[in-house]
Amino acid sequence: MPFKKDKITQKFGIGYLIGFLAFAIIFAIAVFGGGFTTKIVWASKNIVLFVLMLIGFLIQGTTEEIVCRGYVQGRITEKLGVFWAIALSALFFASSHLGNAGVSLEGFVGLLAFGILTALLRFYTGDLWLCGALHGAWNFAEGPFFGTPVSGISGTELLFKSTSVPHHPWLNGGAFGIEASLTCIIVLILLSVLTVYLGQKYSVNKLDLN
């Protein structure tokens, strides 16, 4: 598995910050647009579960990255090249969530966009620290922190509880959660474009864009 031993803390911290802030921005747009009603549900007894979920989602997110961006993307890169590896590993990731509650075409597209973003990060950084931390932070922000469904899975809210407002699925994603929202898809596409720009400029790994 491509886990480089240099600058681990820095890469992990940057990945976590990107994941949390990206979701927070998308969530804020949805709330101010009227897509969610939100209330505080925090209680002091939640502190242990809050920490356990923080750790648990980091493990879960990193594990998915090991499978999808580590093994699958790595093997396809060897056989078919970088472009197919990015596309097919993202498709594999999105397809693995088809059994989740409330899944929709929009949700599938949102997960595909998320998979492309993390696949690009894996390619440009050459390892999994950053995208693993990003994935874990995203899921933690999505569920325990802001209280929205985590790719169709509800009931993980600990700090806030956010309820989707009907007739605003382009903001809240409906039953599947915010990955199925148009706002999320657009932000993930923009982050992918920014990743390609920065990666082509600063990374030793380059995509052939000609």
C-alpha atoms as a PDB file:
ATOM      1  CA  MET A   1       0.000   0.000   0.000  1.00  0.00           C
ATOM      2  CA  PRO A   2       1.324   3.485  -0.909  1.00  0.00           C
ATOM      3  CA  PHE A   3       1.752   5.019   2.565  1.00  0.00           C
ATOM      4  CA  LYS A   4       4.892   7.137   2.406  1.00  0.00           C
ATOM      5  CA  LYS A   5       6.738   7.733   5.675  1.00  0.00           C
ATOM      6  CA  ASP A   6       7.583  11.399   5.114  1.00  0.00           C
ATOM      7  CA  LYS A   7       5.415  14.317   6.322  1.00  0.00           C
ATOM      8  CA  ILE A   8       2.659  11.991   7.559  1.00  0.00           C
ATOM      9  CA  THR A   9       1.244  14.451  10.097  1.00  0.00           C
ATOM     10  CA  GLN A  10       1.264  17.310   7.596  1.00  0.00           C
ATOM     11  CA  LYS A  11      -0.469  15.335   4.855  1.00  0.00           C
ATOM     12  CA  PHE A  12      -2.985  13.846   7.275  1.00  0.00           C
ATOM     13  CA  GLY A  13      -3.768  17.266   8.746  1.00  0.00           C
ATOM     14  CA  ILE A  14      -4.185  18.901   5.342  1.00  0.00           C
ATOM     15  CA  GLY A  15      -6.424  16.052   4.178  1.00  0.00           C
ATOM     16  CA  TYR A  16      -8.591  16.259   7.286  1.00  0.00           C
ATOM     17  CA  LEU A  17      -8.912  20.025   6.982  1.00  0.00           C
ATOM     18  CA  ILE A  18      -9.878  19.814   3.305  1.00  0.00           C
ATOM     19  CA  GLY A  19     -12.463  17.112   3.942  1.00  0.00           C
ATOM     20  CA  PHE A  20     -14.088  18.850   6.896  1.00  0.00           C
ATOM     21  CA  LEU A  21     -14.095  22.336   5.360  1.00  0.00           C
ATOM     22  CA  ALA A  22     -15.363  21.105   1.989  1.00  0.00           C
ATOM     23  CA  PHE A  23     -18.343  19.435   3.622  1.00  0.00           C
ATOM     24  CA  ALA A  24     -18.921  22.416   5.948  1.00  0.00           C
ATOM     25  CA  ILE A  25     -19.052  24.808   2.975  1.00  0.00           C
ATOM     26  CA  ILE A  26     -21.505  22.595   1.078  1.00  0.00           C
ATOM     27  CA  PHE A  27     -23.626  22.182   4.210  1.00  0.00           C
ATOM     28  CA  ALA A  28     -23.637  25.936   4.879  1.00  0.00           C
ATOM     29  CA  ILE A  29     -24.843  26.625   1.329  1.00  0.00           C
ATOM     30  CA  ALA A  30     -27.628  24.070   1.814  1.00  0.00           C
ATOM     31  CA  VAL A  31     -28.707  25.540   5.170  1.00  0.00           C
ATOM     32  CA  PHE A  32     -28.700  29.162   4.003  1.00  0.00           C
ATOM     33  CA  GLY A  33     -30.569  28.071   0.869  1.00  0.00           C
ATOM     34  CA  GLY A  34     -33.305  26.534   3.006  1.00  0.00           C
ATOM     35  CA  GLY A  35     -32.387  22.910   2.349  1.00  0.00           C
ATOM     36  CA  PHE A  36     -32.071  21.849   6.009  1.00  0.00           C
ATOM     37  CA  THR A  37     -33.524  22.706   9.378  1.00  0.00           C
ATOM     38  CA  THR A  38     -30.866  22.217  12.042  1.00  0.00           C
ATOM     39  CA  LYS A  39     -30.962  21.957  15.819  1.00  0.00           C
ATOM     40  CA  ILE A  40     -28.368  21.247  18.502  1.00  0.00           C
ATOM     41  CA  VAL A  41     -28.693  17.789  20.080  1.00  0.00           C
ATOM     42  CA  TRP A  42     -25.389  17.707  21.975  1.00  0.00           C
ATOM     43  CA  ALA A  43     -25.294  16.262  25.483  1.00  0.00           C
ATOM     44  CA  SER A  44     -22.254  15.751  27.694  1.00  0.00           C
ATOM     45  CA  LYS A  45     -22.884  11.993  27.715  1.00  0.00           C
ATOM     46  CA  ASN A  46     -22.107  11.988  23.970  1.00  0.00           C
ATOM     47  CA  ILE A  47     -18.415  12.814  24.438  1.00  0.00           C
ATOM     48  CA  VAL A  48     -17.157   9.222  24.479  1.00  0.00           C
ATOM     49  CA  LEU A  49     -19.255   8.234  21.465  1.00  0.00           C
ATOM     50  CA  PHE A  50     -18.166  11.438  19.709  1.00  0.00           C
ATOM     51  CA  VAL A  51     -14.487  10.483  20.087  1.00  0.00           C
ATOM     52  CA  LEU A  52     -15.162   6.872  19.106  1.00  0.00           C
ATOM     53  CA  MET A  53     -16.971   7.997  15.948  1.00  0.00           C
ATOM     54  CA  LEU A  54     -14.151  10.425  15.163  1.00  0.00           C
ATOM     55  CA  ILE A  55     -11.713   7.507  15.254  1.00  0.00           C
ATOM     56  CA  GLY A  56     -14.161   5.076  13.660  1.00  0.00           C
ATOM     57  CA  PHE A  57     -14.873   7.230  10.632  1.00  0.00           C
ATOM     58  CA  LEU A  58     -11.139   7.799  10.141  1.00  0.00           C
ATOM     59  CA  ILE A  59     -10.637   4.031  10.083  1.00  0.00           C
ATOM     60  CA  GLN A  60     -13.657   3.476   7.839  1.00  0.00           C
ATOM     61  CA  GLY A  61     -12.722   6.244   5.399  1.00  0.00           C
ATOM     62  CA  THR A  62      -9.080   5.189   5.216  1.00  0.00           C
ATOM     63  CA  THR A  63     -10.090   1.550   4.712  1.00  0.00           C
ATOM     64  CA  GLU A  64     -12.266   2.483   1.742  1.00  0.00           C
ATOM     65  CA  GLU A  65      -9.371   4.470   0.320  1.00  0.00           C
ATOM     66  CA  ILE A  66      -7.014   1.505   0.776  1.00  0.00           C
ATOM     67  CA  VAL A  67      -9.399  -0.715  -1.183  1.00  0.00           C
ATOM     68  CA  CYS A  68     -10.531   1.737  -3.878  1.00  0.00           C
ATOM     69  CA  ARG A  69      -7.559   4.078  -4.316  1.00  0.00           C
ATOM     70  CA  GLY A  70      -4.864   1.752  -3.025  1.00  0.00           C
ATOM     71  CA  TYR A  71      -5.542  -1.684  -4.437  1.00  0.00           C
ATOM     72  CA  VAL A  72      -8.087  -1.081  -7.238  1.00  0.00           C
ATOM     73  CA  GLN A  73      -6.547   2.110  -8.603  1.00  0.00           C
ATOM     74  CA  GLY A  74      -3.049   0.713  -8.251  1.00  0.00           C
ATOM     75  CA  ARG A  75      -3.808  -2.513 -10.123  1.00  0.00           C
ATOM     76  CA  ILE A  76      -5.709  -0.769 -12.916  1.00  0.00           C
ATOM     77  CA  THR A  77      -2.868   1.731 -13.313  1.00  0.00           C
ATOM     78  CA  GLU A  78      -0.505  -1.193 -13.926  1.00  0.00           C
ATOM     79  CA  LYS A  79      -2.819  -2.735 -16.532  1.00  0.00           C
ATOM     80  CA  LEU A  80      -4.543   0.178 -18.287  1.00  0.00           C
ATOM     81  CA  GLY A  81      -2.843   3.412 -17.237  1.00  0.00           C
ATOM     82  CA  VAL A  82      -3.646   6.406 -15.058  1.00  0.00           C
ATOM     83  CA  PHE A  83      -6.797   7.748 -16.746  1.00  0.00           C
ATOM     84  CA  TRP A  84      -8.605   4.406 -16.683  1.00  0.00           C
ATOM     85  CA  ALA A  85      -7.417   3.819 -13.119  1.00  0.00           C
ATOM     86  CA  ILE A  86      -8.914   7.114 -11.925  1.00  0.00           C
ATOM     87  CA  ALA A  87     -12.192   6.579 -13.791  1.00  0.00           C
ATOM     88  CA  LEU A  88     -12.708   2.911 -12.941  1.00  0.00           C
ATOM     89  CA  SER A  89     -11.657   3.163  -9.297  1.00  0.00           C
ATOM     90  CA  ALA A  90     -14.156   6.029  -8.868  1.00  0.00           C
ATOM     91  CA  LEU A  91     -16.822   3.938 -10.613  1.00  0.00           C
ATOM     92  CA  PHE A  92     -16.029   0.988  -8.329  1.00  0.00           C
ATOM     93  CA  PHE A  93     -16.310   3.233  -5.275  1.00  0.00           C
ATOM     94  CA  ALA A  94     -19.671   4.680  -6.343  1.00  0.00           C
ATOM     95  CA  SER A  95     -21.033   1.246  -7.287  1.00  0.00           C
ATOM     96  CA  SER A  96     -20.134  -0.162  -3.871  1.00  0.00           C
ATOM     97  CA  HIS A  97     -22.766   2.154  -2.342  1.00  0.00           C
ATOM     98  CA  LEU A  98     -25.653   1.115  -4.602  1.00  0.00           C
ATOM     99  CA  GLY A  99     -27.181  -0.935  -1.797  1.00  0.00           C
ATOM    100  CA  ASN A 100     -27.393   2.038   0.570  1.00  0.00           C
ATOM    101  CA  ALA A 101     -30.776   3.444   1.599  1.00  0.00           C
ATOM    102  CA  GLY A 102     -32.170   6.230  -0.567  1.00  0.00           C
ATOM    103  CA  VAL A 103     -29.615   5.778  -3.341  1.00  0.00           C
ATOM    104  CA  SER A 104     -30.422   7.720  -6.519  1.00  0.00           C
ATOM    105  CA  LEU A 105     -28.812   8.651  -9.813  1.00  0.00           C
ATOM    106  CA  GLU A 106     -27.782  11.973  -8.283  1.00  0.00           C
ATOM    107  CA  GLY A 107     -26.276  10.173  -5.295  1.00  0.00           C
ATOM    108  CA  PHE A 108     -24.328   7.882  -7.606  1.00  0.00           C
ATOM    109  CA  VAL A 109     -22.987  10.883  -9.544  1.00  0.00           C
ATOM    110  CA  GLY A 110     -22.020  12.600  -6.298  1.00  0.00           C
ATOM    111  CA  LEU A 111     -20.107   9.544  -5.095  1.00  0.00           C
ATOM    112  CA  LEU A 112     -18.480   9.246  -8.507  1.00  0.00           C
ATOM    113  CA  ALA A 113     -17.324  12.882  -8.231  1.00  0.00           C
ATOM    114  CA  PHE A 114     -15.993  12.189  -4.723  1.00  0.00           C
ATOM    115  CA  GLY A 115     -14.155   9.108  -5.999  1.00  0.00           C
ATOM    116  CA  ILE A 116     -12.567  11.058  -8.847  1.00  0.00           C
ATOM    117  CA  LEU A 117     -11.366  13.736  -6.413  1.00  0.00           C
ATOM    118  CA  THR A 118      -9.723  11.246  -4.057  1.00  0.00           C
ATOM    119  CA  ALA A 119      -8.306   9.263  -6.980  1.00  0.00           C
ATOM    120  CA  LEU A 120      -6.645  12.441  -8.259  1.00  0.00           C
ATOM    121  CA  LEU A 121      -5.254  13.171  -4.799  1.00  0.00           C
ATOM    122  CA  ARG A 122      -3.863   9.636  -4.587  1.00  0.00           C
ATOM    123  CA  PHE A 123      -2.214  10.041  -7.992  1.00  0.00           C
ATOM    124  CA  TYR A 124      -0.664  13.460  -7.376  1.00  0.00           C
ATOM    125  CA  THR A 125       0.511  12.799  -3.807  1.00  0.00           C
ATOM    126  CA  GLY A 126       1.653   9.258  -4.560  1.00  0.00           C
ATOM    127  CA  ASP A 127       0.154   7.877  -1.345  1.00  0.00           C
ATOM    128  CA  LEU A 128      -3.045   7.509   0.659  1.00  0.00           C
ATOM    129  CA  TRP A 129      -2.546   9.679   3.749  1.00  0.00           C
ATOM    130  CA  LEU A 130      -4.226  12.804   2.429  1.00  0.00           C
ATOM    131  CA  CYS A 131      -7.217  11.168   0.729  1.00  0.00           C
ATOM    132  CA  GLY A 132      -7.736   8.759   3.650  1.00  0.00           C
ATOM    133  CA  ALA A 133      -7.905  11.668   6.109  1.00  0.00           C
ATOM    134  CA  LEU A 134     -10.157  13.654   3.761  1.00  0.00           C
ATOM    135  CA  HIS A 135     -12.595  10.749   3.462  1.00  0.00           C
ATOM    136  CA  GLY A 136     -12.707  10.186   7.221  1.00  0.00           C
ATOM    137  CA  ALA A 137     -13.204  13.893   7.947  1.00  0.00           C
ATOM    138  CA  TRP A 138     -15.958  14.188   5.344  1.00  0.00           C
ATOM    139  CA  ASN A 139     -17.955  11.292   6.827  1.00  0.00           C
ATOM    140  CA  PHE A 140     -17.452  12.526  10.388  1.00  0.00           C
ATOM    141  CA  ALA A 141     -18.602  16.036   9.475  1.00  0.00           C
ATOM    142  CA  GLU A 142     -21.518  14.606   7.529  1.00  0.00           C
ATOM    143  CA  GLY A 143     -22.892  12.401  10.305  1.00  0.00           C
ATOM    144  CA  PRO A 144     -21.837  12.953  13.939  1.00  0.00           C
ATOM    145  CA  PHE A 145     -21.008  16.659  13.538  1.00  0.00           C
ATOM    146  CA  PHE A 146     -23.649  18.191  11.245  1.00  0.00           C
ATOM    147  CA  GLY A 147     -26.203  15.392  11.589  1.00  0.00           C
ATOM    148  CA  THR A 148     -27.031  14.548   7.970  1.00  0.00           C
ATOM    149  CA  PRO A 149     -27.283  11.076   6.385  1.00  0.00           C
ATOM    150  CA  VAL A 150     -23.916   9.494   5.555  1.00  0.00           C
ATOM    151  CA  SER A 151     -24.553   8.168   2.043  1.00  0.00           C
ATOM    152  CA  GLY A 152     -28.039   7.067   3.032  1.00  0.00           C
ATOM    153  CA  ILE A 153     -27.164   5.993   6.588  1.00  0.00           C
ATOM    154  CA  SER A 154     -29.000   8.040   9.235  1.00  0.00           C
ATOM    155  CA  GLY A 155     -28.887   8.121  13.015  1.00  0.00           C
ATOM    156  CA  THR A 156     -25.251   9.103  13.653  1.00  0.00           C
ATOM    157  CA  GLU A 157     -25.932  12.713  14.730  1.00  0.00           C
ATOM    158  CA  LEU A 158     -24.293  13.785  18.013  1.00  0.00           C
ATOM    159  CA  LEU A 159     -23.719  17.557  17.830  1.00  0.00           C
ATOM    160  CA  PHE A 160     -26.336  18.817  15.365  1.00  0.00           C
ATOM    161  CA  LYS A 161     -29.355  17.103  13.836  1.00  0.00           C
ATOM    162  CA  SER A 162     -30.256  18.312  10.362  1.00  0.00           C
ATOM    163  CA  THR A 163     -33.568  17.468   8.719  1.00  0.00           C
ATOM    164  CA  SER A 164     -33.981  17.719   4.959  1.00  0.00           C
ATOM    165  CA  VAL A 165     -36.610  20.196   3.815  1.00  0.00           C
ATOM    166  CA  PRO A 166     -38.873  18.649   1.149  1.00  0.00           C
ATOM    167  CA  HIS A 167     -38.747  20.010  -2.397  1.00  0.00           C
ATOM    168  CA  HIS A 168     -35.092  21.088  -2.032  1.00  0.00           C
ATOM    169  CA  PRO A 169     -33.217  17.915  -3.094  1.00  0.00           C
ATOM    170  CA  TRP A 170     -30.807  19.951  -5.203  1.00  0.00           C
ATOM    171  CA  LEU A 171     -29.591  21.437  -1.895  1.00  0.00           C
ATOM    172  CA  ASN A 172     -29.916  18.538   0.563  1.00  0.00           C
ATOM    173  CA  GLY A 173     -29.837  15.437  -1.652  1.00  0.00           C
ATOM    174  CA  GLY A 174     -33.041  13.984  -0.213  1.00  0.00           C
ATOM    175  CA  ALA A 175     -32.976  10.685   1.683  1.00  0.00           C
ATOM    176  CA  PHE A 176     -29.503   9.727   0.453  1.00  0.00           C
ATOM    177  CA  GLY A 177     -27.853  12.809   1.876  1.00  0.00           C
ATOM    178  CA  ILE A 178     -25.864  15.738   0.678  1.00  0.00           C
ATOM    179  CA  GLU A 179     -23.734  13.781  -1.833  1.00  0.00           C
ATOM    180  CA  ALA A 180     -26.869  13.600  -3.992  1.00  0.00           C
ATOM    181  CA  SER A 181     -27.216  17.401  -4.091  1.00  0.00           C
ATOM    182  CA  LEU A 182     -26.306  19.515  -7.093  1.00  0.00           C
ATOM    183  CA  THR A 183     -24.346  21.826  -4.802  1.00  0.00           C
ATOM    184  CA  CYS A 184     -22.138  18.976  -3.626  1.00  0.00           C
ATOM    185  CA  ILE A 185     -21.529  17.671  -7.142  1.00  0.00           C
ATOM    186  CA  ILE A 186     -20.497  21.132  -8.361  1.00  0.00           C
ATOM    187  CA  VAL A 187     -18.147  21.728  -5.409  1.00  0.00           C
ATOM    188  CA  LEU A 188     -16.519  18.304  -5.868  1.00  0.00           C
ATOM    189  CA  ILE A 189     -15.993  18.982  -9.571  1.00  0.00           C
ATOM    190  CA  LEU A 190     -14.422  22.349  -8.770  1.00  0.00           C
ATOM    191  CA  LEU A 191     -12.138  20.709  -6.187  1.00  0.00           C
ATOM    192  CA  SER A 192     -11.102  18.122  -8.773  1.00  0.00           C
ATOM    193  CA  VAL A 193     -10.272  20.858 -11.292  1.00  0.00           C
ATOM    194  CA  LEU A 194      -8.258  22.683  -8.618  1.00  0.00           C
ATOM    195  CA  THR A 195      -6.461  19.439  -7.743  1.00  0.00           C
ATOM    196  CA  VAL A 196      -5.473  18.905 -11.385  1.00  0.00           C
ATOM    197  CA  TYR A 197      -4.252  22.493 -11.648  1.00  0.00           C
ATOM    198  CA  LEU A 198      -2.144  22.307  -8.488  1.00  0.00           C
ATOM    199  CA  GLY A 199      -1.006  18.774  -9.218  1.00  0.00           C
ATOM    200  CA  GLN A 200       0.187  19.609 -12.701  1.00  0.00           C
ATOM    201  CA  LYS A 201       2.027  22.607 -11.313  1.00  0.00           C
ATOM    202  CA  TYR A 202       3.652  21.196  -8.180  1.00  0.00           C
ATOM    203  CA  SER A 203       3.547  17.370  -8.164  1.00  0.00           C
ATOM    204  CA  VAL A 204       6.250  15.150  -9.606  1.00  0.00           C
ATOM    205  CA  ASN A 205       3.414  13.037 -11.035  1.00  0.00           C
ATOM    206  CA  LYS A 206       1.830  14.597 -14.129  1.00  0.00           C
ATOM    207  CA  LEU A 207      -1.240  13.698 -16.156  1.00  0.00           C
ATOM    208  CA  ASP A 208      -0.761  13.806 -19.925  1.00  0.00           C
ATOM    209  CA  LEU A 209      -3.369  16.431 -20.820  1.00  0.00           C
ATOM    210  CA  ASN A 210      -2.344  16.730 -24.460  1.00  0.00           C
END
